[in-house]
């Protein structure tokens, strides 16, 4: 097998094992299906180009999620995203909800995850990396490039915000 074939085989394996987690994390950051698709594709292109640069001191999962986060941030900074977001905003009128919104709502496993997706990104990220991706505080701190103390603080505030949102939701349904 050539080096090129080895890289293709390894990439295929990484996509099979981690593809869904990369997409879910991209979606949790952007909250857009098509953007999560684009980001996931870009992540694996970057991985293919940089397989030689993988440092063994990080887990493969942590490495991939770090690339995903950085790629999502790059996408969010781009003029493309600003244009798409503005188009989406202009396109939605009154009570009409998008098909995308309905699909997301139908596929939400439970109300809590729906609430998590409403949190500001810095809180949403820590909860998803911790609860969904089951990363340690140190791994989350490494991905986000913050201290473990910052991760703990964000988790605390995220949980408080979720509790308040849940209480508002529960009281709203009592009427």
C-alpha atoms as a PDB file:
ATOM      1  CA  UNK A   1       0.000   0.000   0.000  1.00  0.00           C
ATOM      2  CA  UNK A   2       1.242   3.476  -0.836  1.00  0.00           C
ATOM      3  CA  UNK A   3       1.333   6.372   1.605  1.00  0.00           C
ATOM      4  CA  UNK A   4      -1.609   7.915  -0.277  1.00  0.00           C
ATOM      5  CA  UNK A   5      -3.651   4.701   0.073  1.00  0.00           C
ATOM      6  CA  UNK A   6      -2.752   4.481   3.778  1.00  0.00           C
ATOM      7  CA  UNK A   7      -3.975   8.058   4.324  1.00  0.00           C
ATOM      8  CA  UNK A   8      -7.225   7.368   2.450  1.00  0.00           C
ATOM      9  CA  UNK A   9      -7.860   4.224   4.506  1.00  0.00           C
ATOM     10  CA  UNK A  10      -7.144   6.028   7.773  1.00  0.00           C
ATOM     11  CA  UNK A  11      -9.371   8.938   6.761  1.00  0.00           C
ATOM     12  CA  UNK A  12     -12.197   6.531   5.936  1.00  0.00           C
ATOM     13  CA  UNK A  13     -11.835   4.929   9.336  1.00  0.00           C
ATOM     14  CA  UNK A  14     -11.846   8.304  11.115  1.00  0.00           C
ATOM     15  CA  UNK A  15     -14.952   9.383   9.187  1.00  0.00           C
ATOM     16  CA  UNK A  16     -16.746   6.157  10.104  1.00  0.00           C
ATOM     17  CA  UNK A  17     -15.838   6.323  13.790  1.00  0.00           C
ATOM     18  CA  UNK A  18     -16.081  10.093  14.396  1.00  0.00           C
ATOM     19  CA  UNK A  19     -18.113  11.518  11.498  1.00  0.00           C
ATOM     20  CA  UNK A  20     -21.370  11.735  13.427  1.00  0.00           C
ATOM     21  CA  UNK A  21     -19.716  13.363  16.454  1.00  0.00           C
ATOM     22  CA  UNK A  22     -17.985  15.936  14.226  1.00  0.00           C
ATOM     23  CA  UNK A  23     -21.282  16.749  12.502  1.00  0.00           C
ATOM     24  CA  UNK A  24     -23.198  16.952  15.808  1.00  0.00           C
ATOM     25  CA  UNK A  25     -20.611  19.297  17.284  1.00  0.00           C
ATOM     26  CA  UNK A  26     -20.613  21.478  14.155  1.00  0.00           C
ATOM     27  CA  UNK A  27     -24.409  21.586  14.312  1.00  0.00           C
ATOM     28  CA  UNK A  28     -24.398  22.454  18.016  1.00  0.00           C
ATOM     29  CA  UNK A  29     -22.203  25.455  17.272  1.00  0.00           C
ATOM     30  CA  UNK A  30     -24.000  26.705  14.148  1.00  0.00           C
ATOM     31  CA  UNK A  31     -27.532  25.316  14.582  1.00  0.00           C
ATOM     32  CA  UNK A  32     -27.764  24.952  10.800  1.00  0.00           C
ATOM     33  CA  UNK A  33     -27.969  21.550   9.088  1.00  0.00           C
ATOM     34  CA  UNK A  34     -26.381  22.605   5.801  1.00  0.00           C
ATOM     35  CA  UNK A  35     -23.592  24.486   7.541  1.00  0.00           C
ATOM     36  CA  UNK A  36     -22.835  21.469   9.750  1.00  0.00           C
ATOM     37  CA  UNK A  37     -22.576  19.401   6.545  1.00  0.00           C
ATOM     38  CA  UNK A  38     -20.130  21.900   5.019  1.00  0.00           C
ATOM     39  CA  UNK A  39     -18.068  22.153   8.200  1.00  0.00           C
ATOM     40  CA  UNK A  40     -17.864  18.373   8.595  1.00  0.00           C
ATOM     41  CA  UNK A  41     -16.671  18.010   5.025  1.00  0.00           C
ATOM     42  CA  UNK A  42     -14.087  20.750   5.541  1.00  0.00           C
ATOM     43  CA  UNK A  43     -12.899  19.146   8.800  1.00  0.00           C
ATOM     44  CA  UNK A  44     -12.134  15.852   7.090  1.00  0.00           C
ATOM     45  CA  UNK A  45     -10.394  17.627   4.197  1.00  0.00           C
ATOM     46  CA  UNK A  46      -8.178  19.368   6.770  1.00  0.00           C
ATOM     47  CA  UNK A  47      -7.618  16.073   8.592  1.00  0.00           C
ATOM     48  CA  UNK A  48      -6.557  14.385   5.356  1.00  0.00           C
ATOM     49  CA  UNK A  49      -4.109  17.193   4.571  1.00  0.00           C
ATOM     50  CA  UNK A  50      -2.725  17.219   8.129  1.00  0.00           C
ATOM     51  CA  UNK A  51      -2.649  13.545   9.156  1.00  0.00           C
ATOM     52  CA  UNK A  52       1.110  13.827   9.493  1.00  0.00           C
ATOM     53  CA  UNK A  53       0.670  16.686  11.985  1.00  0.00           C
ATOM     54  CA  UNK A  54      -1.375  14.752  14.523  1.00  0.00           C
ATOM     55  CA  UNK A  55       0.311  14.833  17.929  1.00  0.00           C
ATOM     56  CA  UNK A  56      -0.077  11.688  19.970  1.00  0.00           C
ATOM     57  CA  UNK A  57      -0.423  13.742  23.195  1.00  0.00           C
ATOM     58  CA  UNK A  58      -4.067  14.471  22.321  1.00  0.00           C
ATOM     59  CA  UNK A  59      -6.777  11.899  21.687  1.00  0.00           C
ATOM     60  CA  UNK A  60      -7.988  11.577  18.110  1.00  0.00           C
ATOM     61  CA  UNK A  61     -11.457  12.646  19.260  1.00  0.00           C
ATOM     62  CA  UNK A  62     -10.119  15.780  20.964  1.00  0.00           C
ATOM     63  CA  UNK A  63      -8.032  16.606  17.874  1.00  0.00           C
ATOM     64  CA  UNK A  64     -11.037  16.232  15.560  1.00  0.00           C
ATOM     65  CA  UNK A  65     -13.349  18.272  17.794  1.00  0.00           C
ATOM     66  CA  UNK A  66     -10.740  21.032  18.043  1.00  0.00           C
ATOM     67  CA  UNK A  67     -10.515  21.172  14.243  1.00  0.00           C
ATOM     68  CA  UNK A  68     -14.330  21.161  14.085  1.00  0.00           C
ATOM     69  CA  UNK A  69     -14.608  24.076  16.484  1.00  0.00           C
ATOM     70  CA  UNK A  70     -11.963  26.124  14.692  1.00  0.00           C
ATOM     71  CA  UNK A  71     -13.537  25.397  11.310  1.00  0.00           C
ATOM     72  CA  UNK A  72     -16.991  26.384  12.599  1.00  0.00           C
ATOM     73  CA  UNK A  73     -15.579  29.642  13.955  1.00  0.00           C
ATOM     74  CA  UNK A  74     -13.929  30.334  10.583  1.00  0.00           C
ATOM     75  CA  UNK A  75     -17.238  29.679   8.808  1.00  0.00           C
ATOM     76  CA  UNK A  76     -19.097  31.958  11.197  1.00  0.00           C
ATOM     77  CA  UNK A  77     -16.657  34.774  10.520  1.00  0.00           C
ATOM     78  CA  UNK A  78     -17.025  34.486   6.769  1.00  0.00           C
ATOM     79  CA  UNK A  79     -19.125  36.806   4.662  1.00  0.00           C
ATOM     80  CA  UNK A  80     -20.888  33.706   3.313  1.00  0.00           C
ATOM     81  CA  UNK A  81     -22.440  32.979   6.689  1.00  0.00           C
ATOM     82  CA  UNK A  82     -23.535  36.576   7.199  1.00  0.00           C
ATOM     83  CA  UNK A  83     -25.253  36.496   3.811  1.00  0.00           C
ATOM     84  CA  UNK A  84     -26.949  33.128   4.421  1.00  0.00           C
ATOM     85  CA  UNK A  85     -28.087  34.157   7.896  1.00  0.00           C
ATOM     86  CA  UNK A  86     -29.525  37.429   6.598  1.00  0.00           C
ATOM     87  CA  UNK A  87     -31.301  35.560   3.785  1.00  0.00           C
ATOM     88  CA  UNK A  88     -32.769  33.082   6.289  1.00  0.00           C
ATOM     89  CA  UNK A  89     -33.908  35.922   8.524  1.00  0.00           C
ATOM     90  CA  UNK A  90     -35.542  37.841   5.686  1.00  0.00           C
ATOM     91  CA  UNK A  91     -37.151  34.656   4.339  1.00  0.00           C
ATOM     92  CA  UNK A  92     -39.017  33.758   7.531  1.00  0.00           C
ATOM     93  CA  UNK A  93     -42.288  35.611   8.007  1.00  0.00           C
ATOM     94  CA  UNK A  94     -44.667  35.783  10.912  1.00  0.00           C
ATOM     95  CA  UNK A  95     -45.911  32.446  12.234  1.00  0.00           C
ATOM     96  CA  UNK A  96     -44.571  30.363   9.353  1.00  0.00           C
ATOM     97  CA  UNK A  97     -41.811  28.064  10.526  1.00  0.00           C
ATOM     98  CA  UNK A  98     -39.177  26.552   8.297  1.00  0.00           C
ATOM     99  CA  UNK A  99     -39.104  22.853   7.457  1.00  0.00           C
ATOM    100  CA  UNK A 100     -35.622  22.803   8.994  1.00  0.00           C
ATOM    101  CA  UNK A 101     -37.055  24.054  12.277  1.00  0.00           C
ATOM    102  CA  UNK A 102     -39.783  21.394  12.288  1.00  0.00           C
ATOM    103  CA  UNK A 103     -37.305  18.607  11.538  1.00  0.00           C
ATOM    104  CA  UNK A 104     -34.983  19.759  14.303  1.00  0.00           C
ATOM    105  CA  UNK A 105     -37.869  19.967  16.730  1.00  0.00           C
ATOM    106  CA  UNK A 106     -39.121  16.488  15.784  1.00  0.00           C
ATOM    107  CA  UNK A 107     -35.681  14.955  16.100  1.00  0.00           C
ATOM    108  CA  UNK A 108     -34.853  16.533  19.438  1.00  0.00           C
ATOM    109  CA  UNK A 109     -34.477  13.664  21.849  1.00  0.00           C
ATOM    110  CA  UNK A 110     -36.005  15.578  24.734  1.00  0.00           C
ATOM    111  CA  UNK A 111     -36.854  19.067  25.904  1.00  0.00           C
ATOM    112  CA  UNK A 112     -33.557  19.486  27.713  1.00  0.00           C
ATOM    113  CA  UNK A 113     -31.479  19.146  24.543  1.00  0.00           C
ATOM    114  CA  UNK A 114     -33.818  21.578  22.859  1.00  0.00           C
ATOM    115  CA  UNK A 115     -33.083  24.035  25.677  1.00  0.00           C
ATOM    116  CA  UNK A 116     -29.332  23.374  25.450  1.00  0.00           C
ATOM    117  CA  UNK A 117     -29.427  24.421  21.780  1.00  0.00           C
ATOM    118  CA  UNK A 118     -30.932  27.766  22.843  1.00  0.00           C
ATOM    119  CA  UNK A 119     -28.034  28.608  25.146  1.00  0.00           C
ATOM    120  CA  UNK A 120     -25.313  31.032  24.079  1.00  0.00           C
ATOM    121  CA  UNK A 121     -22.522  29.155  22.285  1.00  0.00           C
ATOM    122  CA  UNK A 122     -19.994  29.331  25.154  1.00  0.00           C
ATOM    123  CA  UNK A 123     -22.424  27.503  27.451  1.00  0.00           C
ATOM    124  CA  UNK A 124     -23.800  25.201  24.774  1.00  0.00           C
ATOM    125  CA  UNK A 125     -20.295  24.051  23.842  1.00  0.00           C
ATOM    126  CA  UNK A 126     -19.238  22.948  27.314  1.00  0.00           C
ATOM    127  CA  UNK A 127     -22.441  21.010  27.934  1.00  0.00           C
ATOM    128  CA  UNK A 128     -22.327  19.230  24.595  1.00  0.00           C
ATOM    129  CA  UNK A 129     -18.638  18.385  24.878  1.00  0.00           C
ATOM    130  CA  UNK A 130     -19.170  17.112  28.413  1.00  0.00           C
ATOM    131  CA  UNK A 131     -22.551  15.390  28.240  1.00  0.00           C
ATOM    132  CA  UNK A 132     -22.765  14.323  24.618  1.00  0.00           C
ATOM    133  CA  UNK A 133     -19.107  13.769  23.722  1.00  0.00           C
ATOM    134  CA  UNK A 134     -18.172  12.652  27.256  1.00  0.00           C
ATOM    135  CA  UNK A 135     -14.913  14.587  27.333  1.00  0.00           C
ATOM    136  CA  UNK A 136     -13.036  15.395  30.517  1.00  0.00           C
ATOM    137  CA  UNK A 137     -12.787  18.961  31.817  1.00  0.00           C
ATOM    138  CA  UNK A 138      -9.137  19.008  30.708  1.00  0.00           C
ATOM    139  CA  UNK A 139     -10.023  17.873  27.182  1.00  0.00           C
ATOM    140  CA  UNK A 140     -12.770  20.500  26.962  1.00  0.00           C
ATOM    141  CA  UNK A 141     -10.363  23.183  28.226  1.00  0.00           C
ATOM    142  CA  UNK A 142      -7.832  22.119  25.566  1.00  0.00           C
ATOM    143  CA  UNK A 143     -10.395  22.270  22.751  1.00  0.00           C
ATOM    144  CA  UNK A 144     -11.757  25.657  23.843  1.00  0.00           C
ATOM    145  CA  UNK A 145      -8.300  27.003  24.687  1.00  0.00           C
ATOM    146  CA  UNK A 146      -9.403  28.100  28.172  1.00  0.00           C
ATOM    147  CA  UNK A 147      -8.557  26.959  31.690  1.00  0.00           C
ATOM    148  CA  UNK A 148     -10.334  24.103  33.458  1.00  0.00           C
ATOM    149  CA  UNK A 149     -11.643  26.703  35.909  1.00  0.00           C
ATOM    150  CA  UNK A 150     -13.290  28.558  33.021  1.00  0.00           C
ATOM    151  CA  UNK A 151     -14.869  25.300  31.843  1.00  0.00           C
ATOM    152  CA  UNK A 152     -16.230  24.639  35.348  1.00  0.00           C
ATOM    153  CA  UNK A 153     -17.578  28.187  35.565  1.00  0.00           C
ATOM    154  CA  UNK A 154     -19.278  27.931  32.165  1.00  0.00           C
ATOM    155  CA  UNK A 155     -20.792  24.565  33.145  1.00  0.00           C
ATOM    156  CA  UNK A 156     -22.142  26.056  36.363  1.00  0.00           C
ATOM    157  CA  UNK A 157     -23.675  29.037  34.553  1.00  0.00           C
ATOM    158  CA  UNK A 158     -25.016  26.840  31.744  1.00  0.00           C
ATOM    159  CA  UNK A 159     -26.785  24.585  34.228  1.00  0.00           C
ATOM    160  CA  UNK A 160     -28.250  27.607  36.043  1.00  0.00           C
ATOM    161  CA  UNK A 161     -29.535  29.051  32.767  1.00  0.00           C
ATOM    162  CA  UNK A 162     -30.990  25.673  31.780  1.00  0.00           C
ATOM    163  CA  UNK A 163     -32.772  25.375  35.109  1.00  0.00           C
ATOM    164  CA  UNK A 164     -34.332  28.830  34.692  1.00  0.00           C
ATOM    165  CA  UNK A 165     -35.372  28.031  31.115  1.00  0.00           C
ATOM    166  CA  UNK A 166     -36.892  24.732  32.224  1.00  0.00           C
ATOM    167  CA  UNK A 167     -38.808  26.432  35.044  1.00  0.00           C
ATOM    168  CA  UNK A 168     -40.188  29.032  32.614  1.00  0.00           C
ATOM    169  CA  UNK A 169     -41.175  26.246  30.211  1.00  0.00           C
ATOM    170  CA  UNK A 170     -42.833  24.203  32.973  1.00  0.00           C
ATOM    171  CA  UNK A 171     -44.775  27.202  34.286  1.00  0.00           C
ATOM    172  CA  UNK A 172     -45.816  28.114  30.760  1.00  0.00           C
ATOM    173  CA  UNK A 173     -47.365  24.677  30.232  1.00  0.00           C
ATOM    174  CA  UNK A 174     -49.349  24.860  33.481  1.00  0.00           C
ATOM    175  CA  UNK A 175     -51.673  27.508  32.083  1.00  0.00           C
END
